[in-house]
Amino acid sequence: MARFEAGAIVIVDWHGGARPKEPGRLRPAIVVEDHELFDPTYPNVVVVPLTNDDRLAIPGLSVAIDPTPENGCVQRCFALAGSVTSVSVSRVRGTESRVRPDQLRDIRRRLADAIGLG
């Protein structure tokens, strides 16, 4: 099983299994787990989805990601920390793209707020 490093932008295949109001197609996401906590054979990875739909960006629980060569985004998008999920690595495809360390810290802080740890 592949491990994905925190901050990596990956493509997740959410086809087949999505419920209403959940992602249901190929979609970018940001790895937020501390990959050093998990054994390389652990079958899941913790991610937050990315969207370019600002209507889904809950104020205080989303992080704006502006396009850069490093993240590969073509327009402003939002990391939805309130939609954190664990997904099978078999549904995940890696990319060369990633967010900056300060953006990853901000996403994790908002994720902590979303689950009541902030």
N, C-alpha and C. Protein backbone atom coordinates (compact mmCIF):
# COMPACT_ATOMS: atom_id res chain seq x y z
N MET A 1 0.84 -1.18 0.00
CA MET A 1 0.00 0.00 0.00
C MET A 1 0.89 1.25 0.00
N ALA A 2 0.50 2.22 -0.78
CA ALA A 2 1.25 3.47 -0.83
C ALA A 2 0.84 4.37 0.33
N ARG A 3 1.81 5.09 0.86
CA ARG A 3 1.53 6.11 1.87
C ARG A 3 1.69 7.44 1.18
N PHE A 4 0.82 8.34 1.49
CA PHE A 4 0.88 9.68 0.91
C PHE A 4 1.27 10.64 2.01
N GLU A 5 2.19 11.54 1.73
CA GLU A 5 2.66 12.49 2.73
C GLU A 5 1.65 13.60 2.94
N ALA A 6 1.61 14.09 4.17
CA ALA A 6 0.73 15.21 4.52
C ALA A 6 1.04 16.40 3.63
N GLY A 7 -0.02 17.04 3.16
CA GLY A 7 0.12 18.20 2.28
C GLY A 7 0.05 17.85 0.81
N ALA A 8 0.14 16.57 0.48
CA ALA A 8 0.06 16.15 -0.91
C ALA A 8 -1.37 16.34 -1.43
N ILE A 9 -1.47 16.80 -2.66
CA ILE A 9 -2.76 16.85 -3.33
C ILE A 9 -2.89 15.56 -4.12
N VAL A 10 -3.96 14.84 -3.89
CA VAL A 10 -4.21 13.56 -4.53
C VAL A 10 -5.54 13.62 -5.27
N ILE A 11 -5.78 12.64 -6.12
CA ILE A 11 -7.06 12.50 -6.79
C ILE A 11 -7.75 11.29 -6.18
N VAL A 12 -8.97 11.50 -5.67
CA VAL A 12 -9.73 10.43 -5.03
C VAL A 12 -10.90 10.05 -5.93
N ASP A 13 -11.09 8.75 -6.12
CA ASP A 13 -12.21 8.25 -6.90
C ASP A 13 -13.35 7.90 -5.95
N TRP A 14 -14.32 8.81 -5.86
CA TRP A 14 -15.47 8.59 -4.99
C TRP A 14 -16.65 8.00 -5.77
N HIS A 15 -16.43 7.49 -6.98
CA HIS A 15 -17.51 6.86 -7.74
C HIS A 15 -18.01 5.63 -6.99
N GLY A 16 -19.27 5.37 -7.08
CA GLY A 16 -19.83 4.14 -6.51
C GLY A 16 -19.75 4.09 -5.00
N GLY A 17 -20.73 4.54 -4.33
CA GLY A 17 -20.74 4.47 -2.88
C GLY A 17 -21.08 5.78 -2.23
N ALA A 18 -21.08 6.85 -3.00
CA ALA A 18 -21.39 8.16 -2.42
C ALA A 18 -22.88 8.26 -2.14
N ARG A 19 -23.20 8.87 -1.05
CA ARG A 19 -24.58 9.17 -0.67
C ARG A 19 -24.90 10.60 -1.10
N PRO A 20 -26.17 10.98 -1.10
CA PRO A 20 -26.49 12.38 -1.43
C PRO A 20 -25.69 13.34 -0.55
N LYS A 21 -25.20 14.40 -1.17
CA LYS A 21 -24.42 15.46 -0.53
C LYS A 21 -22.97 15.04 -0.25
N GLU A 22 -22.54 13.84 -0.69
CA GLU A 22 -21.15 13.41 -0.57
C GLU A 22 -20.50 13.45 -1.95
N PRO A 23 -19.17 13.56 -2.01
CA PRO A 23 -18.52 13.52 -3.31
C PRO A 23 -18.90 12.23 -4.04
N GLY A 24 -19.05 12.30 -5.36
CA GLY A 24 -19.44 11.11 -6.10
C GLY A 24 -18.73 10.99 -7.43
N ARG A 25 -17.50 11.50 -7.51
CA ARG A 25 -16.75 11.46 -8.77
C ARG A 25 -15.27 11.59 -8.45
N LEU A 26 -14.44 11.65 -9.49
CA LEU A 26 -13.02 11.94 -9.28
C LEU A 26 -12.91 13.36 -8.75
N ARG A 27 -12.12 13.51 -7.72
CA ARG A 27 -12.05 14.83 -7.09
C ARG A 27 -10.70 14.98 -6.38
N PRO A 28 -10.11 16.18 -6.43
CA PRO A 28 -8.87 16.40 -5.70
C PRO A 28 -9.12 16.51 -4.20
N ALA A 29 -8.12 16.12 -3.45
CA ALA A 29 -8.18 16.20 -1.99
C ALA A 29 -6.76 16.44 -1.48
N ILE A 30 -6.67 16.87 -0.24
CA ILE A 30 -5.38 17.11 0.40
C ILE A 30 -5.21 16.10 1.52
N VAL A 31 -4.07 15.44 1.54
CA VAL A 31 -3.75 14.49 2.62
C VAL A 31 -3.46 15.30 3.88
N VAL A 32 -4.17 14.99 4.97
CA VAL A 32 -3.98 15.73 6.21
C VAL A 32 -3.46 14.85 7.35
N GLU A 33 -3.39 13.54 7.14
CA GLU A 33 -2.90 12.66 8.20
C GLU A 33 -1.41 12.84 8.39
N ASP A 34 -0.93 12.48 9.57
CA ASP A 34 0.50 12.40 9.83
C ASP A 34 0.93 11.02 9.36
N HIS A 35 1.53 10.94 8.19
CA HIS A 35 1.85 9.65 7.59
C HIS A 35 2.81 8.82 8.45
N GLU A 36 3.53 9.45 9.36
CA GLU A 36 4.45 8.70 10.22
C GLU A 36 3.73 7.94 11.32
N LEU A 37 2.46 8.26 11.57
CA LEU A 37 1.69 7.55 12.60
C LEU A 37 1.18 6.20 12.12
N PHE A 38 1.07 6.03 10.81
CA PHE A 38 0.45 4.84 10.25
C PHE A 38 1.48 3.91 9.64
N ASP A 39 1.30 2.62 9.85
CA ASP A 39 2.13 1.61 9.21
C ASP A 39 1.95 1.72 7.69
N PRO A 40 3.00 1.50 6.92
CA PRO A 40 2.86 1.61 5.46
C PRO A 40 1.79 0.70 4.86
N THR A 41 1.40 -0.34 5.56
CA THR A 41 0.37 -1.24 5.03
C THR A 41 -1.05 -0.84 5.45
N TYR A 42 -1.19 0.23 6.25
CA TYR A 42 -2.53 0.68 6.65
C TYR A 42 -3.32 1.01 5.38
N PRO A 43 -4.53 0.50 5.24
CA PRO A 43 -5.24 0.59 3.96
C PRO A 43 -5.97 1.89 3.66
N ASN A 44 -5.97 2.85 4.57
CA ASN A 44 -6.70 4.10 4.37
C ASN A 44 -5.79 5.31 4.51
N VAL A 45 -6.29 6.45 4.05
CA VAL A 45 -5.58 7.71 4.19
C VAL A 45 -6.62 8.78 4.54
N VAL A 46 -6.24 9.73 5.39
CA VAL A 46 -7.15 10.79 5.84
C VAL A 46 -6.95 12.02 4.96
N VAL A 47 -8.06 12.49 4.37
CA VAL A 47 -8.00 13.60 3.42
C VAL A 47 -9.13 14.60 3.69
N VAL A 48 -8.96 15.80 3.14
CA VAL A 48 -10.05 16.77 3.03
C VAL A 48 -10.22 17.08 1.55
N PRO A 49 -11.46 17.13 1.08
CA PRO A 49 -11.68 17.41 -0.34
C PRO A 49 -11.40 18.86 -0.69
N LEU A 50 -11.07 19.08 -1.95
CA LEU A 50 -10.92 20.42 -2.52
C LEU A 50 -12.11 20.68 -3.43
N THR A 51 -12.56 21.92 -3.46
CA THR A 51 -13.63 22.32 -4.38
C THR A 51 -13.36 23.73 -4.88
N ASN A 52 -13.86 24.02 -6.06
CA ASN A 52 -13.80 25.40 -6.55
C ASN A 52 -15.14 26.10 -6.34
N ASP A 53 -16.08 25.42 -5.71
CA ASP A 53 -17.41 25.98 -5.44
C ASP A 53 -17.39 26.70 -4.09
N ASP A 54 -17.30 28.02 -4.12
CA ASP A 54 -17.20 28.78 -2.87
C ASP A 54 -18.45 28.66 -2.00
N ARG A 55 -19.56 28.19 -2.56
CA ARG A 55 -20.78 27.98 -1.76
C ARG A 55 -20.61 26.83 -0.77
N LEU A 56 -19.67 25.92 -1.04
CA LEU A 56 -19.41 24.80 -0.13
C LEU A 56 -18.38 25.13 0.94
N ALA A 57 -17.74 26.27 0.81
CA ALA A 57 -16.68 26.68 1.72
C ALA A 57 -17.29 27.32 2.96
N ILE A 58 -17.44 26.55 4.02
CA ILE A 58 -18.00 27.06 5.26
C ILE A 58 -17.00 28.01 5.91
N PRO A 59 -17.41 29.26 6.16
CA PRO A 59 -16.48 30.22 6.79
C PRO A 59 -15.93 29.66 8.10
N GLY A 60 -14.64 29.78 8.28
CA GLY A 60 -13.98 29.29 9.49
C GLY A 60 -13.60 27.82 9.44
N LEU A 61 -14.15 27.06 8.48
CA LEU A 61 -13.83 25.63 8.37
C LEU A 61 -13.24 25.28 7.01
N SER A 62 -12.92 26.29 6.22
CA SER A 62 -12.34 26.07 4.90
C SER A 62 -11.12 26.97 4.73
N VAL A 63 -10.20 26.52 3.90
CA VAL A 63 -8.99 27.28 3.62
C VAL A 63 -8.93 27.55 2.12
N ALA A 64 -8.82 28.82 1.74
CA ALA A 64 -8.68 29.18 0.34
C ALA A 64 -7.29 28.80 -0.15
N ILE A 65 -7.23 28.17 -1.32
CA ILE A 65 -5.98 27.78 -1.95
C ILE A 65 -5.92 28.46 -3.31
N ASP A 66 -5.04 29.45 -3.43
CA ASP A 66 -4.88 30.14 -4.71
C ASP A 66 -3.89 29.38 -5.59
N PRO A 67 -4.05 29.47 -6.91
CA PRO A 67 -3.20 28.72 -7.83
C PRO A 67 -1.72 29.08 -7.71
N THR A 68 -0.88 28.07 -7.71
CA THR A 68 0.58 28.22 -7.78
C THR A 68 1.12 27.05 -8.61
N PRO A 69 2.34 27.16 -9.10
CA PRO A 69 2.93 26.01 -9.81
C PRO A 69 3.04 24.78 -8.92
N GLU A 70 3.26 24.97 -7.62
CA GLU A 70 3.42 23.83 -6.70
C GLU A 70 2.12 23.07 -6.46
N ASN A 71 0.98 23.79 -6.41
CA ASN A 71 -0.27 23.08 -6.13
C ASN A 71 -1.02 22.67 -7.39
N GLY A 72 -0.64 23.18 -8.53
CA GLY A 72 -1.26 22.77 -9.78
C GLY A 72 -2.70 23.22 -9.98
N CYS A 73 -3.22 24.03 -9.09
CA CYS A 73 -4.60 24.51 -9.22
C CYS A 73 -4.66 25.51 -10.37
N VAL A 74 -5.78 25.52 -11.08
CA VAL A 74 -5.95 26.46 -12.19
C VAL A 74 -6.84 27.64 -11.80
N GLN A 75 -7.48 27.54 -10.65
CA GLN A 75 -8.28 28.64 -10.12
C GLN A 75 -8.34 28.48 -8.61
N ARG A 76 -8.81 29.52 -7.94
CA ARG A 76 -8.94 29.46 -6.48
C ARG A 76 -9.85 28.29 -6.10
N CYS A 77 -9.43 27.53 -5.12
CA CYS A 77 -10.26 26.45 -4.61
C CYS A 77 -10.22 26.49 -3.08
N PHE A 78 -10.97 25.59 -2.48
CA PHE A 78 -11.13 25.60 -1.03
C PHE A 78 -10.93 24.20 -0.47
N ALA A 79 -10.10 24.10 0.56
CA ALA A 79 -9.92 22.85 1.30
C ALA A 79 -11.03 22.80 2.35
N LEU A 80 -11.87 21.78 2.28
CA LEU A 80 -13.05 21.69 3.16
C LEU A 80 -12.72 20.88 4.41
N ALA A 81 -12.13 21.55 5.40
CA ALA A 81 -11.71 20.87 6.62
C ALA A 81 -12.88 20.22 7.35
N GLY A 82 -14.07 20.77 7.21
CA GLY A 82 -15.24 20.19 7.86
C GLY A 82 -15.72 18.91 7.20
N SER A 83 -15.12 18.54 6.07
CA SER A 83 -15.50 17.32 5.35
C SER A 83 -14.39 16.28 5.38
N VAL A 84 -13.59 16.30 6.42
CA VAL A 84 -12.49 15.34 6.56
C VAL A 84 -13.04 13.92 6.52
N THR A 85 -12.28 13.03 5.86
CA THR A 85 -12.71 11.64 5.76
C THR A 85 -11.51 10.73 5.59
N SER A 86 -11.73 9.48 5.88
CA SER A 86 -10.73 8.44 5.63
C SER A 86 -11.18 7.68 4.39
N VAL A 87 -10.27 7.44 3.48
CA VAL A 87 -10.61 6.77 2.23
C VAL A 87 -9.56 5.70 1.94
N SER A 88 -10.00 4.62 1.32
CA SER A 88 -9.09 3.54 0.95
C SER A 88 -8.02 4.04 0.00
N VAL A 89 -6.76 3.65 0.25
CA VAL A 89 -5.69 4.07 -0.65
C VAL A 89 -5.90 3.50 -2.05
N SER A 90 -6.72 2.46 -2.19
CA SER A 90 -6.99 1.92 -3.52
C SER A 90 -7.82 2.89 -4.36
N ARG A 91 -8.43 3.88 -3.72
CA ARG A 91 -9.21 4.90 -4.43
C ARG A 91 -8.41 6.17 -4.70
N VAL A 92 -7.14 6.18 -4.30
CA VAL A 92 -6.34 7.41 -4.32
C VAL A 92 -5.20 7.28 -5.33
N ARG A 93 -5.04 8.35 -6.13
CA ARG A 93 -3.93 8.44 -7.07
C ARG A 93 -3.10 9.66 -6.70
N GLY A 94 -1.82 9.46 -6.56
CA GLY A 94 -0.93 10.56 -6.21
C GLY A 94 -0.69 11.52 -7.36
N THR A 95 -0.27 12.73 -7.03
CA THR A 95 0.14 13.73 -8.02
C THR A 95 1.45 14.32 -7.52
N GLU A 96 2.03 15.19 -8.31
CA GLU A 96 3.24 15.90 -7.91
C GLU A 96 2.90 17.18 -7.14
N SER A 97 1.63 17.49 -7.02
CA SER A 97 1.19 18.76 -6.42
C SER A 97 1.09 18.67 -4.92
N ARG A 98 1.23 19.84 -4.29
CA ARG A 98 1.09 19.89 -2.83
C ARG A 98 0.80 21.31 -2.39
N VAL A 99 0.25 21.42 -1.17
CA VAL A 99 0.02 22.74 -0.58
C VAL A 99 1.25 23.12 0.24
N ARG A 100 1.35 24.40 0.55
CA ARG A 100 2.47 24.89 1.37
C ARG A 100 2.30 24.41 2.81
N PRO A 101 3.40 24.32 3.56
CA PRO A 101 3.31 23.91 4.97
C PRO A 101 2.38 24.80 5.80
N ASP A 102 2.37 26.12 5.56
CA ASP A 102 1.50 27.00 6.34
C ASP A 102 0.03 26.73 6.01
N GLN A 103 -0.27 26.36 4.77
CA GLN A 103 -1.65 26.02 4.41
C GLN A 103 -2.07 24.71 5.08
N LEU A 104 -1.17 23.73 5.11
CA LEU A 104 -1.46 22.46 5.79
C LEU A 104 -1.73 22.71 7.27
N ARG A 105 -0.92 23.54 7.92
CA ARG A 105 -1.15 23.87 9.34
C ARG A 105 -2.52 24.51 9.53
N ASP A 106 -2.88 25.42 8.64
CA ASP A 106 -4.18 26.10 8.73
C ASP A 106 -5.33 25.11 8.54
N ILE A 107 -5.20 24.21 7.57
CA ILE A 107 -6.23 23.19 7.36
C ILE A 107 -6.38 22.32 8.60
N ARG A 108 -5.26 21.87 9.17
CA ARG A 108 -5.32 21.02 10.37
C ARG A 108 -5.93 21.77 11.55
N ARG A 109 -5.62 23.06 11.68
CA ARG A 109 -6.20 23.85 12.78
C ARG A 109 -7.71 23.93 12.62
N ARG A 110 -8.17 24.17 11.41
CA ARG A 110 -9.61 24.25 11.16
C ARG A 110 -10.27 22.88 11.31
N LEU A 111 -9.57 21.84 10.95
CA LEU A 111 -10.07 20.48 11.16
C LEU A 111 -10.25 20.23 12.66
N ALA A 112 -9.30 20.64 13.46
CA ALA A 112 -9.41 20.50 14.91
C ALA A 112 -10.63 21.27 15.43
N ASP A 113 -10.85 22.46 14.89
CA ASP A 113 -12.05 23.23 15.27
C ASP A 113 -13.32 22.47 14.90
N ALA A 114 -13.31 21.86 13.70
CA ALA A 114 -14.50 21.15 13.21
C ALA A 114 -14.88 19.97 14.09
N ILE A 115 -13.89 19.33 14.72
CA ILE A 115 -14.21 18.17 15.57
C ILE A 115 -14.15 18.50 17.06
N GLY A 116 -14.09 19.79 17.37
CA GLY A 116 -14.18 20.23 18.76
C GLY A 116 -12.91 20.22 19.55
N LEU A 117 -11.77 20.18 18.88
CA LEU A 117 -10.48 20.20 19.59
C LEU A 117 -9.82 21.56 19.62
N GLY A 118 -10.40 22.51 18.87
CA GLY A 118 -9.79 23.84 18.75
C GLY A 118 -10.00 24.71 19.96
